[in-house]
N, C-alpha and C. Protein backbone atom coordinates (compact mmCIF):
# COMPACT_ATOMS: atom_id res chain seq x y z
N MET A 1 1.09 -0.58 -0.49
CA MET A 1 0.59 0.12 -0.10
C MET A 1 0.88 1.11 -0.25
N LYS A 2 1.86 1.59 0.44
CA LYS A 2 3.09 2.64 0.15
C LYS A 2 3.44 2.43 -0.45
N LYS A 3 4.04 1.66 -0.99
CA LYS A 3 4.62 1.91 -2.16
C LYS A 3 3.52 1.93 -3.37
N VAL A 4 2.74 1.85 -3.91
CA VAL A 4 1.46 2.58 -4.31
C VAL A 4 1.01 4.08 -4.11
N PHE A 5 0.86 4.25 -2.65
CA PHE A 5 1.10 6.15 -2.53
C PHE A 5 2.46 6.41 -2.88
N LEU A 6 3.44 6.15 -2.28
CA LEU A 6 4.36 6.44 -3.29
C LEU A 6 4.87 6.84 -4.76
N ALA A 7 4.11 5.49 -5.56
CA ALA A 7 4.46 5.28 -6.34
C ALA A 7 3.00 7.22 -7.35
N PHE A 8 2.03 7.04 -6.48
CA PHE A 8 1.14 7.96 -6.94
C PHE A 8 1.53 9.41 -6.35
N MET A 9 2.19 9.20 -5.30
CA MET A 9 2.78 11.06 -5.11
C MET A 9 3.88 11.61 -6.24
N ILE A 10 5.09 10.19 -6.37
CA ILE A 10 5.60 10.94 -7.38
C ILE A 10 5.12 11.02 -8.88
N CYS A 11 4.03 10.72 -9.50
CA CYS A 11 3.51 10.90 -10.68
C CYS A 11 3.00 12.23 -10.39
N LEU A 12 1.95 12.72 -9.19
CA LEU A 12 2.00 13.77 -9.04
C LEU A 12 2.45 14.69 -9.04
N LEU A 13 3.63 14.49 -8.57
CA LEU A 13 4.96 15.77 -8.15
C LEU A 13 5.10 16.33 -10.09
N PHE A 14 5.71 14.64 -10.49
CA PHE A 14 6.23 15.19 -12.23
C PHE A 14 5.30 15.79 -13.29
N PHE A 15 3.56 15.80 -13.06
CA PHE A 15 2.93 16.00 -13.43
C PHE A 15 2.28 17.79 -13.08
N ASN A 16 2.42 17.69 -12.33
CA ASN A 16 2.97 19.43 -11.32
C ASN A 16 3.62 19.90 -11.98
N CYS A 17 5.29 19.51 -12.34
CA CYS A 17 6.56 20.27 -13.31
C CYS A 17 5.65 20.14 -14.02
N ALA A 18 5.43 19.51 -14.68
CA ALA A 18 5.08 19.32 -15.99
C ALA A 18 4.19 20.91 -16.18
N LYS A 19 3.15 21.00 -15.81
CA LYS A 19 2.42 21.97 -15.77
C LYS A 19 3.44 22.80 -15.67
N LYS A 20 3.31 23.57 -14.23
CA LYS A 20 4.47 24.86 -14.40
C LYS A 20 5.45 24.65 -15.49
N GLU A 21 6.47 23.92 -16.08
CA GLU A 21 6.67 23.97 -17.41
C GLU A 21 6.01 25.06 -18.31
N GLU A 22 4.64 24.14 -18.88
CA GLU A 22 4.76 24.68 -19.87
C GLU A 22 3.49 25.76 -19.37
N LYS A 23 3.93 26.22 -18.63
CA LYS A 23 2.89 28.42 -18.82
C LYS A 23 4.30 28.29 -18.28
N VAL A 24 4.87 28.24 -18.50
CA VAL A 24 6.52 29.54 -18.49
C VAL A 24 6.12 29.62 -20.02
N VAL A 25 6.70 27.71 -20.96
CA VAL A 25 7.24 28.20 -21.92
C VAL A 25 5.74 29.08 -22.37
N GLU A 26 4.37 29.26 -22.52
CA GLU A 26 3.45 30.30 -23.07
C GLU A 26 3.59 31.12 -22.35
N LYS A 27 4.10 31.90 -21.26
CA LYS A 27 4.00 32.92 -21.21
C LYS A 27 5.13 33.77 -21.56
N ASN A 28 6.43 32.92 -22.18
CA ASN A 28 7.45 33.53 -23.29
C ASN A 28 7.48 33.34 -24.54
N LYS A 29 6.22 33.09 -24.65
CA LYS A 29 6.27 33.01 -26.00
C LYS A 29 7.12 33.64 -27.36
N PRO A 30 7.92 33.30 -27.43
CA PRO A 30 8.22 34.32 -29.33
C PRO A 30 7.67 34.90 -29.61
N TYR A 31 8.06 36.00 -30.41
CA TYR A 31 6.37 37.32 -30.62
C TYR A 31 7.09 36.91 -32.31
N ILE A 32 6.62 37.26 -33.32
CA ILE A 32 7.76 36.40 -33.92
C ILE A 32 6.50 38.01 -35.86
N ILE A 33 6.78 38.55 -35.75
CA ILE A 33 6.48 40.47 -35.81
C ILE A 33 5.71 40.17 -37.31
N SER A 34 6.46 39.12 -38.64
CA SER A 34 5.45 39.49 -39.77
C SER A 34 4.63 38.44 -39.36
N LYS A 35 4.48 37.97 -38.40
CA LYS A 35 3.27 36.64 -38.13
C LYS A 35 1.71 37.52 -37.67
N GLU A 36 2.26 38.39 -36.66
CA GLU A 36 1.42 39.50 -35.87
C GLU A 36 0.63 40.44 -36.95
N ASN A 37 1.43 40.69 -37.75
CA ASN A 37 1.25 41.93 -38.81
C ASN A 37 -0.07 41.34 -39.57
N ASN A 38 -0.11 39.82 -39.97
CA ASN A 38 -0.73 39.47 -41.06
C ASN A 38 -1.89 38.52 -39.30
N ARG A 39 -1.80 39.18 -38.41
CA ARG A 39 -3.28 38.31 -37.86
C ARG A 39 -4.18 38.48 -37.93
N GLN A 40 -4.80 39.34 -37.88
CA GLN A 40 -6.65 39.75 -38.80
C GLN A 40 -6.87 38.45 -39.82
N ILE A 41 -7.77 37.92 -38.87
CA ILE A 41 -8.54 36.89 -40.16
C ILE A 41 -10.16 37.42 -40.58
N ILE A 42 -10.46 37.91 -41.65
CA ILE A 42 -11.96 38.56 -41.94
C ILE A 42 -13.13 37.60 -43.01
N ASN A 43 -13.46 36.28 -42.55
CA ASN A 43 -13.77 36.42 -43.68
C ASN A 43 -12.84 35.14 -44.40
N GLY A 44 -12.46 34.17 -43.78
CA GLY A 44 -11.40 33.01 -44.19
C GLY A 44 -10.39 34.02 -44.56
N ASP A 45 -9.92 35.69 -44.70
CA ASP A 45 -9.06 36.06 -45.54
C ASP A 45 -8.27 36.71 -44.47
N THR A 46 -6.68 36.57 -44.91
CA THR A 46 -6.38 36.83 -43.49
C THR A 46 -5.95 38.96 -44.08
N ILE A 47 -6.46 39.42 -43.13
CA ILE A 47 -6.25 40.79 -43.18
C ILE A 47 -5.29 42.17 -42.45
N PRO A 48 -4.03 42.52 -42.34
CA PRO A 48 -3.20 43.23 -42.20
C PRO A 48 -3.54 43.86 -42.07
N PRO A 49 -3.00 44.53 -40.24
CA PRO A 49 -4.07 45.94 -39.54
C PRO A 49 -3.05 47.12 -39.96
N PRO A 50 -3.90 48.03 -40.03
CA PRO A 50 -3.51 49.34 -40.77
C PRO A 50 -2.21 49.97 -40.45
N PRO A 51 -0.78 50.38 -41.68
CA PRO A 51 0.16 50.55 -41.92
C PRO A 51 -0.02 51.25 -40.50
N ILE A 52 1.33 51.47 -39.92
CA ILE A 52 2.04 53.03 -38.84
C ILE A 52 2.28 53.66 -39.66
N PRO A 53 1.85 55.02 -39.61
CA PRO A 53 1.83 56.98 -40.09
C PRO A 53 3.49 56.52 -40.08
N GLY A 54 3.90 56.80 -41.00
CA GLY A 54 5.57 57.46 -41.50
C GLY A 54 5.67 58.51 -39.97
N PHE A 55 4.68 59.22 -39.16
CA PHE A 55 5.35 60.63 -38.00
C PHE A 55 4.97 59.96 -37.45
N LEU A 56 4.45 58.52 -36.84
CA LEU A 56 4.32 58.13 -35.75
C LEU A 56 5.49 56.33 -35.43
N VAL A 57 6.27 56.63 -35.65
CA VAL A 57 7.18 55.17 -36.44
C VAL A 57 7.42 55.28 -34.81
N TYR A 58 8.01 56.17 -34.23
CA TYR A 58 8.99 56.82 -33.32
C TYR A 58 8.19 56.65 -32.23
N GLY A 59 7.19 57.18 -31.99
CA GLY A 59 6.12 57.42 -31.01
C GLY A 59 7.20 58.15 -29.92
N THR A 60 7.27 58.18 -28.64
CA THR A 60 7.46 59.31 -28.10
C THR A 60 9.04 58.62 -27.32
N ASN A 61 8.82 56.96 -26.95
CA ASN A 61 9.99 56.43 -26.99
C ASN A 61 10.69 55.07 -27.43
N THR A 62 11.83 54.84 -27.48
CA THR A 62 12.14 53.68 -28.26
C THR A 62 12.43 52.71 -27.81
N PHE A 63 12.63 51.52 -27.57
CA PHE A 63 13.71 50.11 -27.69
C PHE A 63 14.02 49.76 -28.66
N ILE A 64 15.47 49.76 -29.07
CA ILE A 64 15.76 48.74 -29.48
C ILE A 64 16.77 47.32 -29.28
N LEU A 65 16.36 46.06 -29.48
CA LEU A 65 17.25 45.05 -28.95
C LEU A 65 17.99 44.88 -29.53
N ASN A 66 19.29 44.67 -28.72
CA ASN A 66 20.33 44.24 -28.99
C ASN A 66 20.37 42.97 -28.69
N THR A 67 21.48 42.67 -27.18
CA THR A 67 21.23 41.49 -27.06
C THR A 67 20.15 40.94 -26.21
N ASP A 68 20.72 39.46 -25.68
CA ASP A 68 19.68 39.16 -25.03
C ASP A 68 19.44 39.41 -23.80
N SER A 69 20.37 40.74 -23.46
CA SER A 69 20.29 41.10 -21.74
C SER A 69 20.24 42.32 -21.98
N THR A 70 20.86 42.92 -23.59
CA THR A 70 20.98 44.59 -23.34
C THR A 70 19.80 45.49 -24.75
N ALA A 71 19.67 46.86 -24.75
CA ALA A 71 19.40 47.24 -25.04
C ALA A 71 19.24 48.79 -25.66
N TYR A 72 18.91 49.70 -26.62
CA TYR A 72 19.24 50.92 -26.42
C TYR A 72 18.02 51.48 -26.06
N TYR A 73 17.82 52.69 -25.83
CA TYR A 73 16.44 53.49 -25.64
C TYR A 73 16.70 54.96 -26.22
N PHE A 74 16.24 55.26 -27.57
CA PHE A 74 15.84 57.00 -27.91
C PHE A 74 14.56 57.62 -27.71
N GLN A 75 14.57 58.76 -26.98
CA GLN A 75 13.47 59.54 -27.55
C GLN A 75 12.39 60.34 -28.16
N ASN A 76 11.93 60.63 -28.58
CA ASN A 76 11.78 61.48 -29.75
C ASN A 76 12.18 62.66 -29.36
N LYS A 77 13.01 63.62 -30.13
CA LYS A 77 13.29 65.03 -30.27
C LYS A 77 12.27 65.47 -29.70
N GLY A 78 10.91 65.45 -30.62
CA GLY A 78 9.62 66.47 -30.57
C GLY A 78 8.64 65.23 -30.06
N ILE A 79 9.52 65.52 -28.73
CA ILE A 79 8.50 65.13 -27.92
C ILE A 79 7.16 65.19 -27.60
N GLY A 80 5.90 64.94 -27.10
CA GLY A 80 4.59 65.67 -27.35
C GLY A 80 3.67 64.89 -27.70
N PHE A 81 2.80 65.64 -27.51
CA PHE A 81 1.31 64.60 -28.00
C PHE A 81 1.13 64.07 -28.90
N ILE A 82 0.50 62.96 -29.27
CA ILE A 82 1.26 62.19 -30.63
C ILE A 82 -0.57 62.45 -30.91
N CYS A 83 -0.76 63.18 -32.55
CA CYS A 83 -1.99 63.46 -33.19
C CYS A 83 -1.46 63.05 -34.62
N GLY A 84 -2.27 62.67 -35.90
CA GLY A 84 -2.18 62.72 -36.59
C GLY A 84 -3.63 62.35 -37.56
N THR A 85 -3.60 62.37 -39.32
CA THR A 85 -4.39 62.01 -39.68
C THR A 85 -4.70 60.59 -40.20
N THR A 86 -5.17 59.35 -40.57
CA THR A 86 -5.37 58.68 -41.03
C THR A 86 -4.47 57.82 -41.63
N ASN A 87 -4.67 59.48 -43.09
CA ASN A 87 -4.35 58.71 -44.54
C ASN A 87 -3.40 59.57 -44.62
N ALA A 88 -2.17 59.45 -43.96
CA ALA A 88 -1.12 60.23 -43.27
C ALA A 88 0.41 59.34 -44.33
N ASP A 89 0.86 59.60 -44.94
CA ASP A 89 2.08 59.20 -45.31
C ASP A 89 2.55 57.76 -45.02
N THR A 90 3.05 56.73 -44.67
CA THR A 90 3.85 55.47 -44.38
C THR A 90 4.85 55.02 -44.23
N ILE A 91 5.72 56.08 -45.04
CA ILE A 91 6.90 55.88 -44.62
C ILE A 91 7.82 56.80 -43.36
N PRO A 92 8.54 55.79 -43.14
CA PRO A 92 9.43 56.60 -41.53
C PRO A 92 9.61 57.99 -41.72
N TYR A 93 9.22 59.27 -40.56
CA TYR A 93 9.76 59.97 -41.33
C TYR A 93 11.32 60.44 -41.05
N PHE A 94 12.00 60.75 -41.90
CA PHE A 94 13.78 60.78 -40.66
C PHE A 94 13.59 62.25 -39.45
N ILE A 95 14.32 61.97 -38.30
CA ILE A 95 14.07 62.27 -37.10
C ILE A 95 15.87 62.83 -37.13
N ASN A 96 16.82 62.67 -37.64
CA ASN A 96 17.51 62.81 -37.39
C ASN A 96 18.33 62.80 -36.13
N LEU A 97 18.97 61.14 -36.43
CA LEU A 97 18.70 60.04 -34.69
C LEU A 97 20.30 59.93 -34.86
N GLU A 98 21.20 60.08 -33.83
CA GLU A 98 22.42 60.09 -34.00
C GLU A 98 22.74 59.21 -33.27
N PRO A 99 23.99 58.81 -33.31
CA PRO A 99 24.73 57.55 -32.45
C PRO A 99 24.65 58.58 -30.92
N LYS A 100 24.69 59.72 -30.11
CA LYS A 100 24.89 59.77 -29.27
C LYS A 100 23.75 59.89 -28.06
N ASP A 101 22.19 59.61 -29.02
CA ASP A 101 21.04 59.47 -28.78
C ASP A 101 20.37 58.07 -28.46
N LEU A 102 21.14 57.27 -28.72
CA LEU A 102 21.06 55.74 -28.19
C LEU A 102 21.58 56.17 -26.62
N ILE A 103 20.92 55.05 -25.49
CA ILE A 103 21.77 55.15 -24.51
C ILE A 103 21.20 53.66 -24.40
N GLU A 104 22.55 52.95 -24.16
CA GLU A 104 22.50 51.04 -23.94
C GLU A 104 21.61 50.85 -22.81
N ILE A 105 21.06 49.92 -22.42
CA ILE A 105 19.90 49.83 -20.90
C ILE A 105 20.44 48.27 -20.66
N SER A 106 20.18 47.81 -19.21
CA SER A 106 20.24 47.02 -19.39
C SER A 106 19.41 46.27 -18.58
N ASN A 107 18.69 44.68 -18.92
CA ASN A 107 17.29 44.67 -18.59
C ASN A 107 17.26 44.42 -16.81
N LYS A 108 18.19 45.01 -15.99
CA LYS A 108 18.51 44.56 -14.76
C LYS A 108 17.40 45.84 -13.97
N ASN A 109 17.32 46.57 -14.51
CA ASN A 109 16.54 47.96 -13.67
C ASN A 109 15.22 48.68 -14.26
N LEU A 110 14.80 47.67 -15.49
CA LEU A 110 14.56 47.81 -16.86
C LEU A 110 12.68 49.07 -15.88
N TYR A 111 12.10 48.13 -15.58
CA TYR A 111 11.23 48.71 -14.26
C TYR A 111 11.23 50.17 -13.83
N ASP A 112 12.32 50.72 -13.18
CA ASP A 112 12.52 51.35 -12.58
C ASP A 112 12.99 52.92 -13.38
N PHE A 113 13.72 52.26 -14.82
CA PHE A 113 14.24 53.27 -15.36
C PHE A 113 12.95 53.78 -16.83
N ILE A 114 11.62 53.10 -16.19
CA ILE A 114 10.92 53.57 -17.21
C ILE A 114 10.52 54.51 -16.67
N LYS A 115 10.29 53.97 -15.21
CA LYS A 115 9.13 55.30 -14.18
C LYS A 115 10.01 56.13 -14.62
N LEU A 116 11.85 56.83 -14.16
CA LEU A 116 11.91 57.50 -14.19
C LEU A 116 12.23 58.24 -15.44
N ASN A 117 11.97 57.68 -16.74
CA ASN A 117 12.10 58.42 -18.59
C ASN A 117 11.00 59.12 -18.76
N TYR A 118 9.85 57.97 -18.10
CA TYR A 118 8.12 58.37 -19.29
C TYR A 118 7.16 59.44 -18.39
N LYS A 119 6.67 60.09 -18.87
CA LYS A 119 6.03 61.05 -18.03
C LYS A 119 4.27 60.79 -18.33
N ASP A 120 4.20 61.84 -17.57
CA ASP A 120 3.15 61.76 -16.52
C ASP A 120 2.17 62.41 -17.36
N ASP A 121 2.25 63.36 -17.94
CA ASP A 121 1.78 64.69 -19.12
C ASP A 121 0.91 64.68 -20.22
N PHE A 122 1.38 63.77 -20.78
CA PHE A 122 0.62 63.06 -21.87
C PHE A 122 0.84 61.64 -22.31
N ARG A 123 0.46 61.39 -23.53
CA ARG A 123 0.31 59.76 -23.86
C ARG A 123 1.42 59.44 -24.61
N ASN A 124 2.49 58.64 -23.80
CA ASN A 124 3.01 57.59 -23.44
C ASN A 124 2.95 56.89 -25.15
N VAL A 125 4.30 57.38 -26.16
CA VAL A 125 3.54 56.07 -27.33
C VAL A 125 4.87 55.31 -26.97
N THR A 126 5.65 53.66 -27.21
CA THR A 126 6.57 53.73 -27.29
C THR A 126 6.37 51.86 -27.58
N PHE A 127 7.72 52.06 -29.34
CA PHE A 127 7.69 51.01 -29.34
C PHE A 127 9.17 50.60 -29.07
N ILE A 128 8.78 49.06 -29.19
CA ILE A 128 10.13 48.51 -29.51
C ILE A 128 10.63 47.22 -30.32
N ALA A 129 11.45 47.93 -31.28
CA ALA A 129 12.62 48.13 -32.77
C ALA A 129 13.52 46.84 -32.71
N SER A 130 13.53 45.42 -33.63
CA SER A 130 14.39 44.73 -33.73
C SER A 130 14.61 44.43 -35.06
N GLN A 131 15.62 44.02 -35.49
CA GLN A 131 16.06 43.48 -36.75
C GLN A 131 16.32 42.24 -36.60
N SER A 132 16.00 41.16 -36.09
CA SER A 132 15.21 40.39 -36.17
C SER A 132 13.63 40.14 -36.35
N ASP A 133 13.42 39.37 -36.81
CA ASP A 133 11.80 39.12 -36.93
C ASP A 133 11.16 38.11 -35.82
N THR A 134 11.68 37.09 -35.17
CA THR A 134 11.66 36.71 -34.16
C THR A 134 12.44 36.82 -32.72
N LEU A 135 11.09 38.02 -32.25
CA LEU A 135 11.99 37.94 -30.82
C LEU A 135 11.44 37.22 -29.45
N LYS A 136 12.26 37.03 -29.18
CA LYS A 136 12.83 35.75 -27.87
C LYS A 136 13.97 35.88 -26.81
N SER A 137 14.84 37.01 -27.12
CA SER A 137 15.54 37.37 -25.42
C SER A 137 14.45 38.00 -24.56
N LYS A 138 15.72 37.21 -23.49
CA LYS A 138 15.50 38.11 -22.18
C LYS A 138 15.57 39.08 -21.59
N ILE A 139 15.87 39.83 -22.57
CA ILE A 139 15.08 41.12 -22.35
C ILE A 139 13.60 42.08 -22.95
N TYR A 140 13.70 40.93 -24.28
CA TYR A 140 12.13 41.42 -24.58
C TYR A 140 10.97 41.35 -23.87
N PHE A 141 11.43 39.63 -22.60
CA PHE A 141 10.56 39.77 -22.15
C PHE A 141 9.78 40.35 -20.95
N ASP A 142 11.39 40.88 -20.19
CA ASP A 142 11.55 40.94 -19.18
C ASP A 142 10.66 42.89 -19.80
N LEU A 143 11.31 43.78 -20.87
CA LEU A 143 10.17 45.03 -21.00
C LEU A 143 9.24 44.46 -21.53
N ILE A 144 8.56 43.92 -21.75
CA ILE A 144 7.02 43.52 -22.02
C ILE A 144 6.36 43.37 -20.61
N LYS A 145 7.19 43.00 -19.70
CA LYS A 145 6.50 42.96 -18.40
C LYS A 145 6.74 44.20 -17.91
N SER A 146 7.90 44.86 -17.54
CA SER A 146 8.38 46.21 -17.32
C SER A 146 6.98 47.09 -16.96
N LEU A 147 6.92 47.64 -18.84
CA LEU A 147 5.63 48.43 -19.49
C LEU A 147 4.07 47.77 -19.70
N ASP A 148 3.80 46.55 -19.07
CA ASP A 148 3.01 46.44 -18.64
C ASP A 148 2.60 46.74 -17.37
N LEU A 149 3.05 46.64 -16.63
CA LEU A 149 3.07 47.41 -15.49
C LEU A 149 3.53 48.91 -15.07
N SER A 150 3.94 49.39 -16.41
CA SER A 150 4.60 50.41 -15.82
C SER A 150 3.18 51.19 -16.48
N LEU A 151 2.77 51.25 -18.00
CA LEU A 151 2.16 52.03 -18.45
C LEU A 151 0.71 52.63 -18.08
N LYS A 152 -0.05 53.52 -18.48
CA LYS A 152 -1.65 53.77 -17.18
C LYS A 152 -2.43 54.33 -18.49
N ASP A 153 -3.41 55.03 -18.75
CA ASP A 153 -4.48 56.08 -18.84
C ASP A 153 -4.24 55.34 -20.41
N ARG A 154 -3.96 56.06 -21.85
CA ARG A 154 -4.24 55.92 -22.75
C ARG A 154 -2.42 55.52 -23.59
N ASP A 155 -1.57 55.58 -22.65
CA ASP A 155 -0.01 54.87 -22.88
C ASP A 155 -0.90 53.48 -23.61
N PHE A 156 0.20 53.39 -24.74
CA PHE A 156 0.22 52.11 -25.86
C PHE A 156 1.90 51.98 -25.95
N TYR A 157 2.05 50.07 -26.69
CA TYR A 157 3.38 50.11 -26.91
C TYR A 157 3.34 49.47 -28.12
N ARG A 158 3.73 48.99 -29.33
CA ARG A 158 4.23 48.37 -30.30
C ARG A 158 5.47 47.60 -30.45
N ILE A 159 4.88 46.63 -31.52
CA ILE A 159 6.37 45.91 -31.69
C ILE A 159 6.96 45.98 -33.21
N ARG A 160 7.67 46.12 -33.81
CA ARG A 160 7.83 46.65 -35.54
C ARG A 160 9.57 45.91 -35.59
N LYS A 161 9.61 45.61 -36.41
CA LYS A 161 11.30 45.63 -37.19
C LYS A 161 11.79 47.81 -37.23
N THR A 162 13.26 47.36 -36.77
CA THR A 162 13.68 48.14 -37.18
C THR A 162 13.25 49.60 -38.50
N THR A 163 14.25 51.12 -38.43
CA THR A 163 13.64 51.28 -39.47
C THR A 163 15.38 50.99 -40.64
N GLN A 164 15.81 52.25 -41.73
CA GLN A 164 16.45 52.35 -41.71
C GLN A 164 17.60 53.10 -41.09
N GLU A 165 16.84 54.51 -40.90
CA GLU A 165 17.56 55.24 -39.76
C GLU A 165 18.37 54.51 -38.27
N GLU A 166 17.86 53.88 -37.75
CA GLU A 166 17.80 53.29 -36.15
C GLU A 166 18.90 52.34 -36.86
N ASP A 167 18.80 51.54 -38.00
CA ASP A 167 20.64 50.38 -38.54
C ASP A 167 21.14 50.83 -38.49
N THR A 168 21.19 52.28 -39.27
CA THR A 168 22.38 53.29 -40.15
C THR A 168 23.18 53.74 -38.60
N VAL A 169 22.19 54.26 -37.87
CA VAL A 169 22.75 54.74 -36.34
C VAL A 169 23.38 53.65 -35.78
N LEU A 170 22.75 52.82 -35.45
CA LEU A 170 22.90 51.41 -34.23
C LEU A 170 24.58 51.00 -34.83
N LYS A 171 24.62 51.17 -36.19
CA LYS A 171 25.58 50.59 -36.56
C LYS A 171 26.85 51.33 -36.50
N TYR A 172 27.04 52.60 -36.57
CA TYR A 172 27.65 53.53 -36.28
C TYR A 172 27.73 54.11 -34.67
N LYS A 173 27.25 53.37 -34.20
CA LYS A 173 27.10 53.36 -32.68
C LYS A 173 27.91 52.51 -32.43
N LYS A 174 28.15 51.32 -32.71
CA LYS A 174 28.45 49.93 -32.27
C LYS A 174 30.14 50.36 -32.86
N ASN A 175 30.32 50.75 -33.72
CA ASN A 175 31.84 50.55 -34.39
C ASN A 175 32.37 52.03 -33.74
N ASN A 176 31.69 53.19 -33.12
CA ASN A 176 32.17 53.91 -32.41
C ASN A 176 32.70 55.03 -33.37
N LYS A 177 32.01 55.05 -34.79
CA LYS A 177 32.56 55.66 -35.64
C LYS A 177 31.58 57.06 -36.21
N SER A 178 32.51 57.79 -36.62
CA SER A 178 31.88 59.48 -36.42
C SER A 178 31.27 59.25 -37.79
N PHE A 179 29.75 60.11 -37.01
CA PHE A 179 28.62 59.71 -37.95
C PHE A 179 28.56 61.11 -38.09
N TYR A 180 27.77 60.92 -39.92
CA TYR A 180 27.58 62.55 -40.61
C TYR A 180 26.18 61.94 -41.01
N SER A 181 25.52 62.99 -41.55
CA SER A 181 23.77 62.37 -41.66
C SER A 181 24.38 63.06 -43.18
N GLU A 182 24.75 64.24 -43.67
CA GLU A 182 24.93 64.03 -44.76
C GLU A 182 25.75 63.25 -45.35
N ASP A 183 26.38 62.20 -45.08
CA ASP A 183 27.57 61.52 -45.81
C ASP A 183 26.84 60.03 -46.26
N ILE A 184 25.91 59.75 -45.27
CA ILE A 184 24.81 59.02 -45.47
C ILE A 184 24.28 58.06 -46.63
N LYS A 185 24.28 57.10 -47.65
CA LYS A 185 23.38 57.31 -48.89
C LYS A 185 22.42 56.45 -48.42
N TRP A 186 21.19 58.09 -47.97
CA TRP A 186 20.00 57.13 -47.77
C TRP A 186 19.05 56.81 -49.02
N ASP A 187 18.43 55.77 -48.35
CA ASP A 187 17.35 55.52 -49.87
C ASP A 187 16.03 55.75 -48.85
N LYS A 188 15.94 56.21 -49.90
CA LYS A 188 14.94 57.97 -49.94
C LYS A 188 12.89 57.01 -50.32
N THR A 189 13.22 55.96 -50.77
CA THR A 189 11.62 54.89 -50.50
C THR A 189 11.67 54.34 -49.51
N LYS A 190 12.68 54.49 -48.00
CA LYS A 190 12.05 53.81 -46.99
C LYS A 190 12.57 55.11 -45.55
N ILE A 191 13.08 56.32 -46.19
CA ILE A 191 12.74 57.14 -45.77
C ILE A 191 12.02 58.60 -46.06
N LYS A 192 11.20 59.33 -45.38
CA LYS A 192 11.06 60.32 -46.01
C LYS A 192 11.58 62.12 -45.68
N PHE A 193 12.18 62.75 -46.18
CA PHE A 193 12.63 63.79 -45.82
C PHE A 193 11.80 64.67 -45.60
N PRO A 194 11.82 66.44 -44.42
CA PRO A 194 10.97 67.13 -44.78
C PRO A 194 11.90 67.95 -45.82
N GLU A 195 11.17 69.09 -46.25
CA GLU A 195 11.73 70.63 -47.79
C GLU A 195 12.86 70.53 -46.88
N LYS A 196 13.01 71.94 -45.95
CA LYS A 196 14.86 71.51 -45.13
C LYS A 196 14.68 70.80 -44.29
N ILE A 197 15.69 70.06 -44.61
CA ILE A 197 16.05 69.29 -43.33
C ILE A 197 18.22 69.80 -42.63
N LYS A 198 17.59 70.05 -41.82
CA LYS A 198 19.55 70.52 -41.07
C LYS A 198 20.08 69.07 -40.46
N PHE A 199 21.51 68.64 -41.61
CA PHE A 199 21.73 68.33 -41.35
C PHE A 199 22.78 68.13 -40.17
N THR A 200 23.20 67.03 -40.11
CA THR A 200 24.32 67.04 -38.87
C THR A 200 25.47 67.84 -39.70
N LYS A 201 26.30 69.28 -38.86
CA LYS A 201 27.36 69.52 -39.42
C LYS A 201 28.90 68.74 -38.77
N ARG A 202 29.13 69.27 -40.16
CA ARG A 202 30.14 68.82 -39.95
C ARG A 202 31.56 69.71 -39.08
N LYS A 203 32.49 68.67 -38.07
CA LYS A 203 33.26 69.89 -37.63
C LYS A 203 34.42 69.79 -38.36
N LYS A 204 35.05 70.90 -38.00
CA LYS A 204 36.13 71.38 -38.77
C LYS A 204 37.27 71.32 -38.07
């Protein structure tokens, strides 16, 4: 009788462990950007959500995932209330981002970092940007958790691929190279410049 009871307890223990492990895997389910961008199904057809307007691509706060434990963060220089029309251009606007604007952060104090850098007097729009289509790094899951705990009222976040400007500036940041906007061969089908653009002036 004791052997039967012991066997039953061991099976129950393994079952509970398996259930816990299953929950952890489900909680940290990888996010696939291309798949999520085609997640709406209407009458059997897959309908992608509306594209992000070009003026809103950067929102007010942006995190660029770097490694499993680090990311880069920058605030939109024109930080403030976000508004616009539904038929706005969907090509990302040039924001004159520079390597010095990117702050490298770790996943150790993400919640405190967000609380210190986010504003209370207007809507915080956050973007998580990735060069990879699949997000499964530890800092991604930690960041999502911290944002879910921090954001309030009408704040929200979205996930997207990095823009041409972010990729370019990030490359210069990592290689510690001098960066001058006017020297970059921008693909103008992927970035929209205002009529009068002020590039970074080269120091003599």
